């Protein structure tokens, strides 16, 4: 399987789960590797039960296929952490919690979406005792998307040159694959505000001309 067709997701909270749902519904990736960093539930079936439903969107199979769809998720190999859903392979990693120790390279993962909310400072060194977003790069990823905003622990710290805040529909075309390795999708409030303000600012600029 080509690395370009394998997505890595770190964290399986609600954001991680809905990221998984989104990519099950689209054809950008054939295979998804999800790192949870620890044993979850009593068996892989517990993960399947959790992944299969959401309090807002309902059952996974109806989200993917509509009201007439039937459940389409199953455990393939408990020992290997292998699940199949909607025709796609999901591999669950249950050992490493520090990003630098996650076997992304061995799993053929080039792009990681970090949904843990724990590694928010792009300035943190890869050997930080609490883990670092940059650890994903050391572990083999070529780029990392942070699901929450970057937050620096040091007051006045600037954003590293290889990092960027990108909001889809606002400035996502500023992404430079040769430069940007760490990307934050900003917060939900920032994203909502940006989409409201952009047409207002464009109108004001037009009136000033």
C-alpha atoms as a PDB file:
ATOM      1  CA  UNK A   1       0.000   0.000   0.000  1.00  0.00           C
ATOM      2  CA  UNK A   2       1.381   3.398  -0.938  1.00  0.00           C
ATOM      3  CA  UNK A   3       2.189   5.663   1.997  1.00  0.00           C
ATOM      4  CA  UNK A   4       0.263   8.440   0.254  1.00  0.00           C
ATOM      5  CA  UNK A   5      -2.888   6.363   0.660  1.00  0.00           C
ATOM      6  CA  UNK A   6      -2.448   5.703   4.392  1.00  0.00           C
ATOM      7  CA  UNK A   7      -3.597   8.265   6.950  1.00  0.00           C
ATOM      8  CA  UNK A   8      -2.471   8.342  10.560  1.00  0.00           C
ATOM      9  CA  UNK A   9      -4.753   9.578  13.357  1.00  0.00           C
ATOM     10  CA  UNK A  10      -3.398  10.087  16.863  1.00  0.00           C
ATOM     11  CA  UNK A  11      -6.133   9.940  19.475  1.00  0.00           C
ATOM     12  CA  UNK A  12      -9.588   8.399  19.320  1.00  0.00           C
ATOM     13  CA  UNK A  13     -11.669  10.843  21.321  1.00  0.00           C
ATOM     14  CA  UNK A  14     -14.642  12.421  19.601  1.00  0.00           C
ATOM     15  CA  UNK A  15     -12.522  14.558  17.250  1.00  0.00           C
ATOM     16  CA  UNK A  16     -10.410  11.548  16.337  1.00  0.00           C
ATOM     17  CA  UNK A  17     -13.495   9.410  15.802  1.00  0.00           C
ATOM     18  CA  UNK A  18     -15.201  11.956  13.547  1.00  0.00           C
ATOM     19  CA  UNK A  19     -11.942  12.442  11.623  1.00  0.00           C
ATOM     20  CA  UNK A  20     -12.019   8.689  11.043  1.00  0.00           C
ATOM     21  CA  UNK A  21     -15.671   8.852   9.935  1.00  0.00           C
ATOM     22  CA  UNK A  22     -14.895  11.650   7.477  1.00  0.00           C
ATOM     23  CA  UNK A  23     -12.124   9.697   5.816  1.00  0.00           C
ATOM     24  CA  UNK A  24     -14.180   6.510   5.703  1.00  0.00           C
ATOM     25  CA  UNK A  25     -16.725   8.516   3.701  1.00  0.00           C
ATOM     26  CA  UNK A  26     -14.170   9.823   1.200  1.00  0.00           C
ATOM     27  CA  UNK A  27     -11.642   8.231  -1.121  1.00  0.00           C
ATOM     28  CA  UNK A  28      -8.504  10.141  -0.198  1.00  0.00           C
ATOM     29  CA  UNK A  29      -7.121   7.188   1.774  1.00  0.00           C
ATOM     30  CA  UNK A  30      -7.556   3.430   1.470  1.00  0.00           C
ATOM     31  CA  UNK A  31      -6.125   2.607   4.880  1.00  0.00           C
ATOM     32  CA  UNK A  32      -6.217   4.408   8.226  1.00  0.00           C
ATOM     33  CA  UNK A  33      -3.875   3.794  11.148  1.00  0.00           C
ATOM     34  CA  UNK A  34      -5.221   5.021  14.495  1.00  0.00           C
ATOM     35  CA  UNK A  35      -2.977   5.312  17.530  1.00  0.00           C
ATOM     36  CA  UNK A  36      -4.672   5.183  20.949  1.00  0.00           C
ATOM     37  CA  UNK A  37      -1.471   4.475  22.878  1.00  0.00           C
ATOM     38  CA  UNK A  38      -2.948   2.004  25.342  1.00  0.00           C
ATOM     39  CA  UNK A  39      -5.283  -0.988  25.568  1.00  0.00           C
ATOM     40  CA  UNK A  40      -8.909   0.138  25.229  1.00  0.00           C
ATOM     41  CA  UNK A  41     -11.908  -1.782  26.543  1.00  0.00           C
ATOM     42  CA  UNK A  42     -11.933  -5.537  26.994  1.00  0.00           C
ATOM     43  CA  UNK A  43     -11.304  -6.341  23.329  1.00  0.00           C
ATOM     44  CA  UNK A  44     -11.159  -4.795  19.874  1.00  0.00           C
ATOM     45  CA  UNK A  45     -14.909  -5.269  19.766  1.00  0.00           C
ATOM     46  CA  UNK A  46     -15.174  -2.499  22.400  1.00  0.00           C
ATOM     47  CA  UNK A  47     -13.474  -0.129  19.962  1.00  0.00           C
ATOM     48  CA  UNK A  48     -15.821  -1.203  17.178  1.00  0.00           C
ATOM     49  CA  UNK A  49     -18.813  -0.435  19.388  1.00  0.00           C
ATOM     50  CA  UNK A  50     -17.418   2.997  20.238  1.00  0.00           C
ATOM     51  CA  UNK A  51     -16.521   3.856  16.642  1.00  0.00           C
ATOM     52  CA  UNK A  52     -19.911   2.658  15.347  1.00  0.00           C
ATOM     53  CA  UNK A  53     -22.057   5.393  16.890  1.00  0.00           C
ATOM     54  CA  UNK A  54     -22.116   9.071  17.769  1.00  0.00           C
ATOM     55  CA  UNK A  55     -24.515  11.026  19.964  1.00  0.00           C
ATOM     56  CA  UNK A  56     -25.047  13.679  17.267  1.00  0.00           C
ATOM     57  CA  UNK A  57     -24.608  11.856  13.946  1.00  0.00           C
ATOM     58  CA  UNK A  58     -26.107   8.528  14.952  1.00  0.00           C
ATOM     59  CA  UNK A  59     -24.883   5.151  13.648  1.00  0.00           C
ATOM     60  CA  UNK A  60     -21.802   5.084  11.430  1.00  0.00           C
ATOM     61  CA  UNK A  61     -23.462   3.002   8.706  1.00  0.00           C
ATOM     62  CA  UNK A  62     -26.305   5.508   8.314  1.00  0.00           C
ATOM     63  CA  UNK A  63     -23.839   8.410   8.242  1.00  0.00           C
ATOM     64  CA  UNK A  64     -21.993   6.653   5.425  1.00  0.00           C
ATOM     65  CA  UNK A  65     -24.865   5.100   3.482  1.00  0.00           C
ATOM     66  CA  UNK A  66     -28.170   6.616   4.529  1.00  0.00           C
ATOM     67  CA  UNK A  67     -31.202   5.195   6.327  1.00  0.00           C
ATOM     68  CA  UNK A  68     -31.296   1.961   4.326  1.00  0.00           C
ATOM     69  CA  UNK A  69     -27.629   1.080   4.967  1.00  0.00           C
ATOM     70  CA  UNK A  70     -26.635  -1.931   7.054  1.00  0.00           C
ATOM     71  CA  UNK A  71     -23.790  -2.047   9.606  1.00  0.00           C
ATOM     72  CA  UNK A  72     -20.475  -2.569   7.822  1.00  0.00           C
ATOM     73  CA  UNK A  73     -17.715  -2.708  10.424  1.00  0.00           C
ATOM     74  CA  UNK A  74     -16.027  -5.774  11.865  1.00  0.00           C
ATOM     75  CA  UNK A  75     -12.996  -7.076  13.713  1.00  0.00           C
ATOM     76  CA  UNK A  76     -10.642  -8.838  11.307  1.00  0.00           C
ATOM     77  CA  UNK A  77      -7.683  -9.659  13.582  1.00  0.00           C
ATOM     78  CA  UNK A  78      -7.718  -8.944  17.329  1.00  0.00           C
ATOM     79  CA  UNK A  79      -3.971  -9.473  17.787  1.00  0.00           C
ATOM     80  CA  UNK A  80      -3.011  -7.209  14.887  1.00  0.00           C
ATOM     81  CA  UNK A  81      -5.562  -4.580  15.867  1.00  0.00           C
ATOM     82  CA  UNK A  82      -7.170  -4.870  12.441  1.00  0.00           C
ATOM     83  CA  UNK A  83     -10.695  -3.624  11.757  1.00  0.00           C
ATOM     84  CA  UNK A  84     -12.523  -3.258   8.451  1.00  0.00           C
ATOM     85  CA  UNK A  85     -15.160  -0.596   7.897  1.00  0.00           C
ATOM     86  CA  UNK A  86     -16.868   0.566   4.700  1.00  0.00           C
ATOM     87  CA  UNK A  87     -14.357  -1.402   2.640  1.00  0.00           C
ATOM     88  CA  UNK A  88     -11.345   0.234   4.288  1.00  0.00           C
ATOM     89  CA  UNK A  89      -8.727  -1.181   6.607  1.00  0.00           C
ATOM     90  CA  UNK A  90      -8.323   0.397  10.034  1.00  0.00           C
ATOM     91  CA  UNK A  91      -5.285  -0.568  12.099  1.00  0.00           C
ATOM     92  CA  UNK A  92      -5.358   0.236  15.803  1.00  0.00           C
ATOM     93  CA  UNK A  93      -2.016   0.870  17.559  1.00  0.00           C
ATOM     94  CA  UNK A  94      -2.178   0.381  21.333  1.00  0.00           C
ATOM     95  CA  UNK A  95       1.318   0.840  22.753  1.00  0.00           C
ATOM     96  CA  UNK A  96       3.113   4.185  22.304  1.00  0.00           C
ATOM     97  CA  UNK A  97       1.779   7.455  23.724  1.00  0.00           C
ATOM     98  CA  UNK A  98       4.765   9.691  22.953  1.00  0.00           C
ATOM     99  CA  UNK A  99       4.519  10.745  19.275  1.00  0.00           C
ATOM    100  CA  UNK A 100       8.183   9.975  18.606  1.00  0.00           C
ATOM    101  CA  UNK A 101       7.601   6.322  19.564  1.00  0.00           C
ATOM    102  CA  UNK A 102       4.572   5.702  17.349  1.00  0.00           C
ATOM    103  CA  UNK A 103       5.575   3.447  14.414  1.00  0.00           C
ATOM    104  CA  UNK A 104       4.235   5.660  11.645  1.00  0.00           C
ATOM    105  CA  UNK A 105       7.161   4.837   9.364  1.00  0.00           C
ATOM    106  CA  UNK A 106       6.628   1.090   9.701  1.00  0.00           C
ATOM    107  CA  UNK A 107       2.907   1.604   9.105  1.00  0.00           C
ATOM    108  CA  UNK A 108       3.449   3.521   5.853  1.00  0.00           C
ATOM    109  CA  UNK A 109       1.974   6.754   7.241  1.00  0.00           C
ATOM    110  CA  UNK A 110       3.098  10.059   5.720  1.00  0.00           C
ATOM    111  CA  UNK A 111       0.338  12.347   7.039  1.00  0.00           C
ATOM    112  CA  UNK A 112      -0.803  12.392  10.670  1.00  0.00           C
ATOM    113  CA  UNK A 113      -3.772  14.197  12.176  1.00  0.00           C
ATOM    114  CA  UNK A 114      -3.140  14.696  15.897  1.00  0.00           C
ATOM    115  CA  UNK A 115      -6.489  14.795  17.671  1.00  0.00           C
ATOM    116  CA  UNK A 116      -5.280  14.429  21.259  1.00  0.00           C
ATOM    117  CA  UNK A 117      -5.104  18.141  22.067  1.00  0.00           C
ATOM    118  CA  UNK A 118      -2.048  17.383  24.210  1.00  0.00           C
ATOM    119  CA  UNK A 119       0.806  18.496  21.968  1.00  0.00           C
ATOM    120  CA  UNK A 120      -0.029  22.088  21.110  1.00  0.00           C
ATOM    121  CA  UNK A 121       3.330  23.880  21.170  1.00  0.00           C
ATOM    122  CA  UNK A 122       5.154  23.663  17.806  1.00  0.00           C
ATOM    123  CA  UNK A 123       8.296  24.934  19.546  1.00  0.00           C
ATOM    124  CA  UNK A 124       8.540  21.913  21.848  1.00  0.00           C
ATOM    125  CA  UNK A 125      11.624  19.796  21.259  1.00  0.00           C
ATOM    126  CA  UNK A 126      11.104  16.254  20.064  1.00  0.00           C
ATOM    127  CA  UNK A 127      12.604  14.930  23.310  1.00  0.00           C
ATOM    128  CA  UNK A 128      10.258  16.899  25.561  1.00  0.00           C
ATOM    129  CA  UNK A 129       9.406  14.677  28.573  1.00  0.00           C
ATOM    130  CA  UNK A 130       5.686  15.221  27.962  1.00  0.00           C
ATOM    131  CA  UNK A 131       5.907  14.500  24.239  1.00  0.00           C
ATOM    132  CA  UNK A 132       5.974  16.822  21.258  1.00  0.00           C
ATOM    133  CA  UNK A 133       4.065  17.338  18.034  1.00  0.00           C
ATOM    134  CA  UNK A 134       7.443  17.139  16.293  1.00  0.00           C
ATOM    135  CA  UNK A 135       7.763  13.590  17.517  1.00  0.00           C
ATOM    136  CA  UNK A 136       5.442  12.516  14.710  1.00  0.00           C
ATOM    137  CA  UNK A 137       8.034  13.767  12.208  1.00  0.00           C
ATOM    138  CA  UNK A 138      10.795  11.833  13.949  1.00  0.00           C
ATOM    139  CA  UNK A 139       8.552   8.747  13.842  1.00  0.00           C
ATOM    140  CA  UNK A 140       8.231   8.969  10.057  1.00  0.00           C
ATOM    141  CA  UNK A 141       5.424  11.402   9.206  1.00  0.00           C
ATOM    142  CA  UNK A 142       6.159  14.029   6.560  1.00  0.00           C
ATOM    143  CA  UNK A 143       3.484  16.414   7.826  1.00  0.00           C
ATOM    144  CA  UNK A 144       1.215  16.783  10.846  1.00  0.00           C
ATOM    145  CA  UNK A 145      -2.176  18.468  11.112  1.00  0.00           C
ATOM    146  CA  UNK A 146      -3.032  19.581  14.631  1.00  0.00           C
ATOM    147  CA  UNK A 147      -6.800  19.510  15.246  1.00  0.00           C
ATOM    148  CA  UNK A 148      -6.612  22.338  17.798  1.00  0.00           C
ATOM    149  CA  UNK A 149      -4.831  25.715  17.788  1.00  0.00           C
ATOM    150  CA  UNK A 150      -1.119  25.978  18.428  1.00  0.00           C
ATOM    151  CA  UNK A 151      -0.414  27.297  21.919  1.00  0.00           C
ATOM    152  CA  UNK A 152       3.086  28.242  23.016  1.00  0.00           C
ATOM    153  CA  UNK A 153       4.151  27.762  26.630  1.00  0.00           C
ATOM    154  CA  UNK A 154       6.616  30.625  26.334  1.00  0.00           C
ATOM    155  CA  UNK A 155       5.213  34.156  26.247  1.00  0.00           C
ATOM    156  CA  UNK A 156       6.164  36.033  23.108  1.00  0.00           C
ATOM    157  CA  UNK A 157       7.338  32.931  21.248  1.00  0.00           C
ATOM    158  CA  UNK A 158       6.975  33.109  17.468  1.00  0.00           C
ATOM    159  CA  UNK A 159       5.655  30.430  15.179  1.00  0.00           C
ATOM    160  CA  UNK A 160       8.479  28.324  13.684  1.00  0.00           C
ATOM    161  CA  UNK A 161       9.069  28.701   9.945  1.00  0.00           C
ATOM    162  CA  UNK A 162       7.890  25.143   9.279  1.00  0.00           C
ATOM    163  CA  UNK A 163       4.535  25.713  11.018  1.00  0.00           C
ATOM    164  CA  UNK A 164       1.352  27.438   9.874  1.00  0.00           C
ATOM    165  CA  UNK A 165      -2.211  28.272  10.888  1.00  0.00           C
ATOM    166  CA  UNK A 166      -4.398  27.349   7.915  1.00  0.00           C
ATOM    167  CA  UNK A 167      -8.185  27.665   7.716  1.00  0.00           C
ATOM    168  CA  UNK A 168      -9.812  25.899   4.795  1.00  0.00           C
ATOM    169  CA  UNK A 169     -11.583  28.401   2.578  1.00  0.00           C
ATOM    170  CA  UNK A 170      -9.636  31.315   4.016  1.00  0.00           C
ATOM    171  CA  UNK A 171      -5.898  30.797   3.586  1.00  0.00           C
ATOM    172  CA  UNK A 172      -5.445  27.078   2.886  1.00  0.00           C
ATOM    173  CA  UNK A 173      -3.808  27.856  -0.465  1.00  0.00           C
ATOM    174  CA  UNK A 174      -0.894  29.330   1.496  1.00  0.00           C
ATOM    175  CA  UNK A 175       0.164  25.782   2.358  1.00  0.00           C
ATOM    176  CA  UNK A 176       3.670  25.095   1.068  1.00  0.00           C
ATOM    177  CA  UNK A 177       4.418  21.346   1.029  1.00  0.00           C
ATOM    178  CA  UNK A 178       8.124  22.055   0.754  1.00  0.00           C
ATOM    179  CA  UNK A 179       8.113  24.192   3.870  1.00  0.00           C
ATOM    180  CA  UNK A 180       5.222  23.466   6.197  1.00  0.00           C
ATOM    181  CA  UNK A 181       5.547  20.330   8.321  1.00  0.00           C
ATOM    182  CA  UNK A 182       3.231  21.283  11.202  1.00  0.00           C
ATOM    183  CA  UNK A 183      -0.185  22.756  10.451  1.00  0.00           C
ATOM    184  CA  UNK A 184      -2.917  23.855  12.831  1.00  0.00           C
ATOM    185  CA  UNK A 185      -6.506  24.007  11.665  1.00  0.00           C
ATOM    186  CA  UNK A 186      -7.118  26.695  14.335  1.00  0.00           C
ATOM    187  CA  UNK A 187     -10.107  26.539  16.673  1.00  0.00           C
ATOM    188  CA  UNK A 188     -13.790  26.117  15.817  1.00  0.00           C
ATOM    189  CA  UNK A 189     -14.496  29.668  16.989  1.00  0.00           C
ATOM    190  CA  UNK A 190     -11.644  31.142  14.929  1.00  0.00           C
ATOM    191  CA  UNK A 191     -12.788  29.221  11.870  1.00  0.00           C
ATOM    192  CA  UNK A 192     -16.409  30.338  12.260  1.00  0.00           C
ATOM    193  CA  UNK A 193     -15.391  33.959  12.835  1.00  0.00           C
ATOM    194  CA  UNK A 194     -12.990  33.987   9.878  1.00  0.00           C
ATOM    195  CA  UNK A 195     -15.696  32.857   7.461  1.00  0.00           C
ATOM    196  CA  UNK A 196     -18.058  35.554   8.734  1.00  0.00           C
ATOM    197  CA  UNK A 197     -15.494  38.338   8.689  1.00  0.00           C
ATOM    198  CA  UNK A 198     -13.968  37.644   5.299  1.00  0.00           C
ATOM    199  CA  UNK A 199     -16.954  38.840   3.198  1.00  0.00           C
ATOM    200  CA  UNK A 200     -17.482  41.780   5.547  1.00  0.00           C
ATOM    201  CA  UNK A 201     -13.870  42.891   5.193  1.00  0.00           C
ATOM    202  CA  UNK A 202     -14.012  42.388   1.415  1.00  0.00           C
ATOM    203  CA  UNK A 203     -17.120  44.589   1.257  1.00  0.00           C
ATOM    204  CA  UNK A 204     -15.464  47.332   3.332  1.00  0.00           C
ATOM    205  CA  UNK A 205     -12.371  47.267   1.136  1.00  0.00           C
ATOM    206  CA  UNK A 206     -14.523  47.560  -1.966  1.00  0.00           C
ATOM    207  CA  UNK A 207     -16.359  50.561  -0.523  1.00  0.00           C
ATOM    208  CA  UNK A 208     -13.056  52.288   0.307  1.00  0.00           C
ATOM    209  CA  UNK A 209     -11.822  52.046  -3.274  1.00  0.00           C
END
